[in-house]
Amino acid sequence: MFSKLCFEIFDQCISDYHLENSIKGKSKNPYEKKDIKYLLYQKNWIDTVQWHLEDLIRDPKINPRDALKLKRTIDNSNQKRTDLVEYIDSYFLNKYKNVEISNSATFNSESPAWAIDRLSILALKIFHMNEETKRKGASEEHKSNCCAKLEILTQQKEDLSSAIDQLLSDIESGTKYMKTYKQMKMYNDEDLNPVLYNKDK
């Protein structure tokens, strides 16, 4: 199942990141660029780095200048994340381009890659919640609460994985078809963000 492959790669990537556990670490992507595994690994690497950036920016004692720098780094990361989702969807569009679509076929509100994006984030939640169940110095109540949350996250992983595999099966059989939209992000576009296009006025 494709979702199983995804989660295995996400797990591998998260483990690789935590060998150094640094937002400045370089991706250790072991796959060839033409392989879908490369895109999946790179997608999760961006998510993993951003997870830790989001932790840092929530430090109540952070220097405002450092916070602004982090915010811009996160914005840049979000753009790369969106681009990779679109690359992954392009892979599926190409893979299923010759499928004969049923006259009664419907499309999903969420593309395969955006569902895989959620699975990548879920892998990070599971990893870090599991860490909390074993955190030294944490109370037994804290560990117990985190164990309960981990069970829910694990069930969510199973449900989401099943949904992804079913969606891909439906697309392959022609009972669903892919319909994707480019992300119309406006806040980074100098032609669309009024703060940017009015900056010289």
C-alpha atoms as a PDB file:
ATOM      1  CA  MET A   1       0.000   0.000   0.000  1.00  0.00           C
ATOM      2  CA  PHE A   2       1.276   3.460  -0.883  1.00  0.00           C
ATOM      3  CA  SER A   3       0.455   4.907   2.536  1.00  0.00           C
ATOM      4  CA  LYS A   4       2.683   2.281   4.180  1.00  0.00           C
ATOM      5  CA  LEU A   5       5.578   3.300   1.934  1.00  0.00           C
ATOM      6  CA  CYS A   6       4.957   6.957   2.809  1.00  0.00           C
ATOM      7  CA  PHE A   7       4.965   6.359   6.538  1.00  0.00           C
ATOM      8  CA  GLU A   8       8.107   4.240   6.397  1.00  0.00           C
ATOM      9  CA  ILE A   9       9.919   7.049   4.565  1.00  0.00           C
ATOM     10  CA  PHE A  10       8.562   9.668   6.967  1.00  0.00           C
ATOM     11  CA  ASP A  11       9.751   7.606   9.928  1.00  0.00           C
ATOM     12  CA  GLN A  12      13.177   7.235   8.346  1.00  0.00           C
ATOM     13  CA  CYS A  13      13.400  10.963   7.665  1.00  0.00           C
ATOM     14  CA  ILE A  14      12.374  11.943  11.198  1.00  0.00           C
ATOM     15  CA  SER A  15      14.960   9.560  12.647  1.00  0.00           C
ATOM     16  CA  ASP A  16      17.625  10.966  10.321  1.00  0.00           C
ATOM     17  CA  TYR A  17      16.800  14.520  11.390  1.00  0.00           C
ATOM     18  CA  HIS A  18      17.064  13.694  15.076  1.00  0.00           C
ATOM     19  CA  LEU A  19      20.575  12.306  14.683  1.00  0.00           C
ATOM     20  CA  GLU A  20      21.699  15.955  14.730  1.00  0.00           C
ATOM     21  CA  ASN A  21      18.418  17.505  15.880  1.00  0.00           C
ATOM     22  CA  SER A  22      19.326  20.849  14.335  1.00  0.00           C
ATOM     23  CA  ILE A  23      17.235  23.172  12.161  1.00  0.00           C
ATOM     24  CA  LYS A  24      20.470  23.947  10.319  1.00  0.00           C
ATOM     25  CA  GLY A  25      21.080  20.311   9.442  1.00  0.00           C
ATOM     26  CA  LYS A  26      21.139  19.272   5.793  1.00  0.00           C
ATOM     27  CA  SER A  27      18.702  16.812   4.280  1.00  0.00           C
ATOM     28  CA  LYS A  28      20.093  13.289   4.153  1.00  0.00           C
ATOM     29  CA  ASN A  29      17.793  12.205   1.339  1.00  0.00           C
ATOM     30  CA  PRO A  30      19.112   8.803   0.167  1.00  0.00           C
ATOM     31  CA  TYR A  31      16.859   8.518  -2.888  1.00  0.00           C
ATOM     32  CA  GLU A  32      17.365   9.510  -6.509  1.00  0.00           C
ATOM     33  CA  LYS A  33      15.566  12.676  -7.578  1.00  0.00           C
ATOM     34  CA  LYS A  34      13.501  10.876 -10.215  1.00  0.00           C
ATOM     35  CA  ASP A  35      12.074   8.533  -7.552  1.00  0.00           C
ATOM     36  CA  ILE A  36       8.793   9.431  -5.777  1.00  0.00           C
ATOM     37  CA  LYS A  37      10.538   8.362  -2.576  1.00  0.00           C
ATOM     38  CA  TYR A  38      12.835  11.374  -2.989  1.00  0.00           C
ATOM     39  CA  LEU A  39       9.850  13.749  -2.994  1.00  0.00           C
ATOM     40  CA  LEU A  40       8.268  12.034   0.008  1.00  0.00           C
ATOM     41  CA  TYR A  41      11.501  12.202   2.012  1.00  0.00           C
ATOM     42  CA  GLN A  42      12.121  15.824   1.055  1.00  0.00           C
ATOM     43  CA  LYS A  43       8.535  16.734   1.954  1.00  0.00           C
ATOM     44  CA  ASN A  44       8.871  15.269   5.422  1.00  0.00           C
ATOM     45  CA  TRP A  45      12.300  16.844   5.927  1.00  0.00           C
ATOM     46  CA  ILE A  46      10.766  20.281   5.366  1.00  0.00           C
ATOM     47  CA  ASP A  47       7.911  19.421   7.743  1.00  0.00           C
ATOM     48  CA  THR A  48      10.339  18.183  10.393  1.00  0.00           C
ATOM     49  CA  VAL A  49      12.517  21.288  10.265  1.00  0.00           C
ATOM     50  CA  GLN A  50       9.429  23.485  10.356  1.00  0.00           C
ATOM     51  CA  TRP A  51       8.065  21.579  13.364  1.00  0.00           C
ATOM     52  CA  HIS A  52      11.134  22.653  15.313  1.00  0.00           C
ATOM     53  CA  LEU A  53      11.028  26.195  13.949  1.00  0.00           C
ATOM     54  CA  GLU A  54       7.449  26.460  15.235  1.00  0.00           C
ATOM     55  CA  ASP A  55       8.672  25.325  18.672  1.00  0.00           C
ATOM     56  CA  LEU A  56      11.385  27.982  18.717  1.00  0.00           C
ATOM     57  CA  ILE A  57       9.157  30.878  17.701  1.00  0.00           C
ATOM     58  CA  ARG A  58       6.824  30.119  20.619  1.00  0.00           C
ATOM     59  CA  ASP A  59       9.531  30.837  23.182  1.00  0.00           C
ATOM     60  CA  PRO A  60       7.960  33.619  25.338  1.00  0.00           C
ATOM     61  CA  LYS A  61      11.418  35.092  25.893  1.00  0.00           C
ATOM     62  CA  ILE A  62      12.435  35.186  22.246  1.00  0.00           C
ATOM     63  CA  ASN A  63      14.112  38.342  20.968  1.00  0.00           C
ATOM     64  CA  PRO A  64      11.687  40.158  18.603  1.00  0.00           C
ATOM     65  CA  ARG A  65      14.322  40.375  15.864  1.00  0.00           C
ATOM     66  CA  ASP A  66      14.978  36.653  16.146  1.00  0.00           C
ATOM     67  CA  ALA A  67      11.232  36.030  16.018  1.00  0.00           C
ATOM     68  CA  LEU A  68      10.897  38.061  12.821  1.00  0.00           C
ATOM     69  CA  LYS A  69      13.772  36.156  11.248  1.00  0.00           C
ATOM     70  CA  LEU A  70      12.177  32.855  12.249  1.00  0.00           C
ATOM     71  CA  LYS A  71       8.790  33.964  10.900  1.00  0.00           C
ATOM     72  CA  ARG A  72      10.311  34.679   7.512  1.00  0.00           C
ATOM     73  CA  THR A  73      12.108  31.341   7.573  1.00  0.00           C
ATOM     74  CA  ILE A  74       8.784  29.626   8.332  1.00  0.00           C
ATOM     75  CA  ASP A  75       7.085  31.520   5.472  1.00  0.00           C
ATOM     76  CA  ASN A  76       9.796  30.326   3.102  1.00  0.00           C
ATOM     77  CA  SER A  77       9.434  26.783   4.426  1.00  0.00           C
ATOM     78  CA  ASN A  78       5.670  26.893   3.858  1.00  0.00           C
ATOM     79  CA  GLN A  79       6.222  27.873   0.236  1.00  0.00           C
ATOM     80  CA  LYS A  80       8.633  24.960  -0.273  1.00  0.00           C
ATOM     81  CA  ARG A  81       6.145  22.629   1.417  1.00  0.00           C
ATOM     82  CA  THR A  82       3.366  23.756  -0.932  1.00  0.00           C
ATOM     83  CA  ASP A  83       5.619  23.363  -3.965  1.00  0.00           C
ATOM     84  CA  LEU A  84       6.476  19.801  -2.959  1.00  0.00           C
ATOM     85  CA  VAL A  85       2.814  18.902  -2.490  1.00  0.00           C
ATOM     86  CA  GLU A  86       2.214  20.069  -6.050  1.00  0.00           C
ATOM     87  CA  TYR A  87       5.184  18.035  -7.321  1.00  0.00           C
ATOM     88  CA  ILE A  88       3.786  14.928  -5.621  1.00  0.00           C
ATOM     89  CA  ASP A  89       0.363  15.538  -7.164  1.00  0.00           C
ATOM     90  CA  SER A  90       2.064  15.929 -10.551  1.00  0.00           C
ATOM     91  CA  TYR A  91       3.502  12.455 -10.042  1.00  0.00           C
ATOM     92  CA  PHE A  92       0.003  11.028  -9.563  1.00  0.00           C
ATOM     93  CA  LEU A  93      -1.447  13.036 -12.457  1.00  0.00           C
ATOM     94  CA  ASN A  94       1.197  11.543 -14.727  1.00  0.00           C
ATOM     95  CA  LYS A  95       0.826   8.037 -13.297  1.00  0.00           C
ATOM     96  CA  TYR A  96      -2.927   7.943 -13.882  1.00  0.00           C
ATOM     97  CA  LYS A  97      -3.118  10.068 -17.033  1.00  0.00           C
ATOM     98  CA  ASN A  98      -4.215   7.128 -19.213  1.00  0.00           C
ATOM     99  CA  VAL A  99      -6.898   5.792 -16.866  1.00  0.00           C
ATOM    100  CA  GLU A 100     -10.323   5.585 -18.477  1.00  0.00           C
ATOM    101  CA  ILE A 101     -12.593   7.673 -16.272  1.00  0.00           C
ATOM    102  CA  SER A 102     -16.095   6.397 -15.567  1.00  0.00           C
ATOM    103  CA  ASN A 103     -19.018   8.604 -16.625  1.00  0.00           C
ATOM    104  CA  SER A 104     -20.178   8.558 -13.005  1.00  0.00           C
ATOM    105  CA  ALA A 105     -16.731   9.337 -11.579  1.00  0.00           C
ATOM    106  CA  THR A 106     -16.435  11.986  -8.896  1.00  0.00           C
ATOM    107  CA  PHE A 107     -13.491  13.959  -7.587  1.00  0.00           C
ATOM    108  CA  ASN A 108     -12.208  14.254  -4.060  1.00  0.00           C
ATOM    109  CA  SER A 109     -12.116  17.631  -2.330  1.00  0.00           C
ATOM    110  CA  GLU A 110      -8.565  16.804  -1.245  1.00  0.00           C
ATOM    111  CA  SER A 111      -5.908  15.643  -3.690  1.00  0.00           C
ATOM    112  CA  PRO A 112      -3.724  12.612  -2.876  1.00  0.00           C
ATOM    113  CA  ALA A 113      -0.700  14.780  -2.109  1.00  0.00           C
ATOM    114  CA  TRP A 114      -2.552  16.996   0.370  1.00  0.00           C
ATOM    115  CA  ALA A 115      -3.738  13.881   2.192  1.00  0.00           C
ATOM    116  CA  ILE A 116      -0.131  12.645   2.197  1.00  0.00           C
ATOM    117  CA  ASP A 117       0.872  16.052   3.566  1.00  0.00           C
ATOM    118  CA  ARG A 118      -1.413  15.399   6.546  1.00  0.00           C
ATOM    119  CA  LEU A 119       0.126  11.944   6.984  1.00  0.00           C
ATOM    120  CA  SER A 120       3.589  13.520   7.107  1.00  0.00           C
ATOM    121  CA  ILE A 121       2.501  15.875   9.891  1.00  0.00           C
ATOM    122  CA  LEU A 122       0.823  12.984  11.677  1.00  0.00           C
ATOM    123  CA  ALA A 123       4.099  11.041  11.610  1.00  0.00           C
ATOM    124  CA  LEU A 124       5.728  13.963  13.412  1.00  0.00           C
ATOM    125  CA  LYS A 125       2.934  14.126  15.989  1.00  0.00           C
ATOM    126  CA  ILE A 126       3.283  10.401  16.680  1.00  0.00           C
ATOM    127  CA  PHE A 127       7.060  10.627  17.015  1.00  0.00           C
ATOM    128  CA  HIS A 128       6.991  13.549  19.431  1.00  0.00           C
ATOM    129  CA  MET A 129       4.023  12.282  21.443  1.00  0.00           C
ATOM    130  CA  ASN A 130       5.854   8.991  21.871  1.00  0.00           C
ATOM    131  CA  GLU A 131       8.869  10.933  23.131  1.00  0.00           C
ATOM    132  CA  GLU A 132       6.629  12.621  25.703  1.00  0.00           C
ATOM    133  CA  THR A 133       5.457   9.249  27.035  1.00  0.00           C
ATOM    134  CA  LYS A 134       9.091   8.565  28.018  1.00  0.00           C
ATOM    135  CA  ARG A 135      10.303  12.055  28.939  1.00  0.00           C
ATOM    136  CA  LYS A 136      12.620  12.067  31.919  1.00  0.00           C
ATOM    137  CA  GLY A 137      11.371  14.240  34.754  1.00  0.00           C
ATOM    138  CA  ALA A 138       7.774  14.253  33.516  1.00  0.00           C
ATOM    139  CA  SER A 139       5.048  13.234  35.936  1.00  0.00           C
ATOM    140  CA  GLU A 140       3.301   9.889  35.641  1.00  0.00           C
ATOM    141  CA  GLU A 141       0.067  11.774  34.964  1.00  0.00           C
ATOM    142  CA  HIS A 142       1.718  13.565  32.037  1.00  0.00           C
ATOM    143  CA  LYS A 143       3.044  10.293  30.636  1.00  0.00           C
ATOM    144  CA  SER A 144      -0.335   8.616  31.041  1.00  0.00           C
ATOM    145  CA  ASN A 145      -2.113  11.478  29.256  1.00  0.00           C
ATOM    146  CA  CYS A 146       0.401  11.322  26.418  1.00  0.00           C
ATOM    147  CA  CYS A 147      -0.072   7.550  26.098  1.00  0.00           C
ATOM    148  CA  ALA A 148      -3.804   8.113  25.668  1.00  0.00           C
ATOM    149  CA  LYS A 149      -3.162  10.791  23.043  1.00  0.00           C
ATOM    150  CA  LEU A 150      -0.705   8.509  21.272  1.00  0.00           C
ATOM    151  CA  GLU A 151      -3.372   5.824  20.954  1.00  0.00           C
ATOM    152  CA  ILE A 152      -5.695   8.334  19.281  1.00  0.00           C
ATOM    153  CA  LEU A 153      -2.953   9.508  16.919  1.00  0.00           C
ATOM    154  CA  THR A 154      -2.170   5.901  16.007  1.00  0.00           C
ATOM    155  CA  GLN A 155      -5.830   5.268  15.188  1.00  0.00           C
ATOM    156  CA  GLN A 156      -5.880   8.471  13.157  1.00  0.00           C
ATOM    157  CA  LYS A 157      -2.847   7.213  11.227  1.00  0.00           C
ATOM    158  CA  GLU A 158      -4.648   3.957  10.402  1.00  0.00           C
ATOM    159  CA  ASP A 159      -7.783   5.797   9.272  1.00  0.00           C
ATOM    160  CA  LEU A 160      -5.916   8.347   7.167  1.00  0.00           C
ATOM    161  CA  SER A 161      -3.713   5.659   5.609  1.00  0.00           C
ATOM    162  CA  SER A 162      -6.793   3.657   4.665  1.00  0.00           C
ATOM    163  CA  ALA A 163      -8.419   6.752   3.140  1.00  0.00           C
ATOM    164  CA  ILE A 164      -5.315   7.558   1.079  1.00  0.00           C
ATOM    165  CA  ASP A 165      -5.054   4.008  -0.263  1.00  0.00           C
ATOM    166  CA  GLN A 166      -8.768   3.935  -1.076  1.00  0.00           C
ATOM    167  CA  LEU A 167      -8.539   7.269  -2.904  1.00  0.00           C
ATOM    168  CA  LEU A 168      -5.594   6.075  -4.994  1.00  0.00           C
ATOM    169  CA  SER A 169      -7.421   2.804  -5.741  1.00  0.00           C
ATOM    170  CA  ASP A 170     -10.495   4.751  -6.871  1.00  0.00           C
ATOM    171  CA  ILE A 171      -8.410   7.011  -9.113  1.00  0.00           C
ATOM    172  CA  GLU A 172      -6.667   3.982 -10.605  1.00  0.00           C
ATOM    173  CA  SER A 173     -10.000   2.311 -11.339  1.00  0.00           C
ATOM    174  CA  GLY A 174     -11.508   5.482 -12.819  1.00  0.00           C
ATOM    175  CA  THR A 175     -14.296   5.864 -10.244  1.00  0.00           C
ATOM    176  CA  LYS A 176     -12.645   9.064  -9.024  1.00  0.00           C
ATOM    177  CA  TYR A 177     -10.510  11.525 -10.909  1.00  0.00           C
ATOM    178  CA  MET A 178      -7.915  14.022  -9.854  1.00  0.00           C
ATOM    179  CA  LYS A 179      -8.609  17.728  -9.946  1.00  0.00           C
ATOM    180  CA  THR A 180      -5.870  19.929  -8.568  1.00  0.00           C
ATOM    181  CA  TYR A 181      -5.538  23.669  -8.099  1.00  0.00           C
ATOM    182  CA  LYS A 182      -2.338  25.646  -7.889  1.00  0.00           C
ATOM    183  CA  GLN A 183      -2.010  27.331  -4.524  1.00  0.00           C
ATOM    184  CA  MET A 184      -2.890  30.981  -5.072  1.00  0.00           C
ATOM    185  CA  LYS A 185      -0.772  32.316  -2.237  1.00  0.00           C
ATOM    186  CA  MET A 186      -1.159  36.078  -2.201  1.00  0.00           C
ATOM    187  CA  TYR A 187       0.899  37.312   0.725  1.00  0.00           C
ATOM    188  CA  ASN A 188       4.265  36.543  -0.929  1.00  0.00           C
ATOM    189  CA  ASP A 189       3.275  38.009  -4.296  1.00  0.00           C
ATOM    190  CA  GLU A 190       4.339  41.605  -4.924  1.00  0.00           C
ATOM    191  CA  ASP A 191       1.470  41.978  -7.405  1.00  0.00           C
ATOM    192  CA  LEU A 192      -1.225  40.784  -4.985  1.00  0.00           C
ATOM    193  CA  ASN A 193      -0.194  41.845  -1.474  1.00  0.00           C
ATOM    194  CA  PRO A 194      -1.092  45.560  -1.000  1.00  0.00           C
ATOM    195  CA  VAL A 195       1.649  45.992   1.614  1.00  0.00           C
ATOM    196  CA  LEU A 196       4.197  44.937  -0.990  1.00  0.00           C
ATOM    197  CA  TYR A 197       2.829  46.691  -4.069  1.00  0.00           C
ATOM    198  CA  ASN A 198       2.319  49.939  -2.130  1.00  0.00           C
ATOM    199  CA  LYS A 199       5.746  49.856  -0.481  1.00  0.00           C
ATOM    200  CA  ASP A 200       7.184  52.636  -2.652  1.00  0.00           C
ATOM    201  CA  LYS A 201       4.220  54.967  -2.379  1.00  0.00           C
END
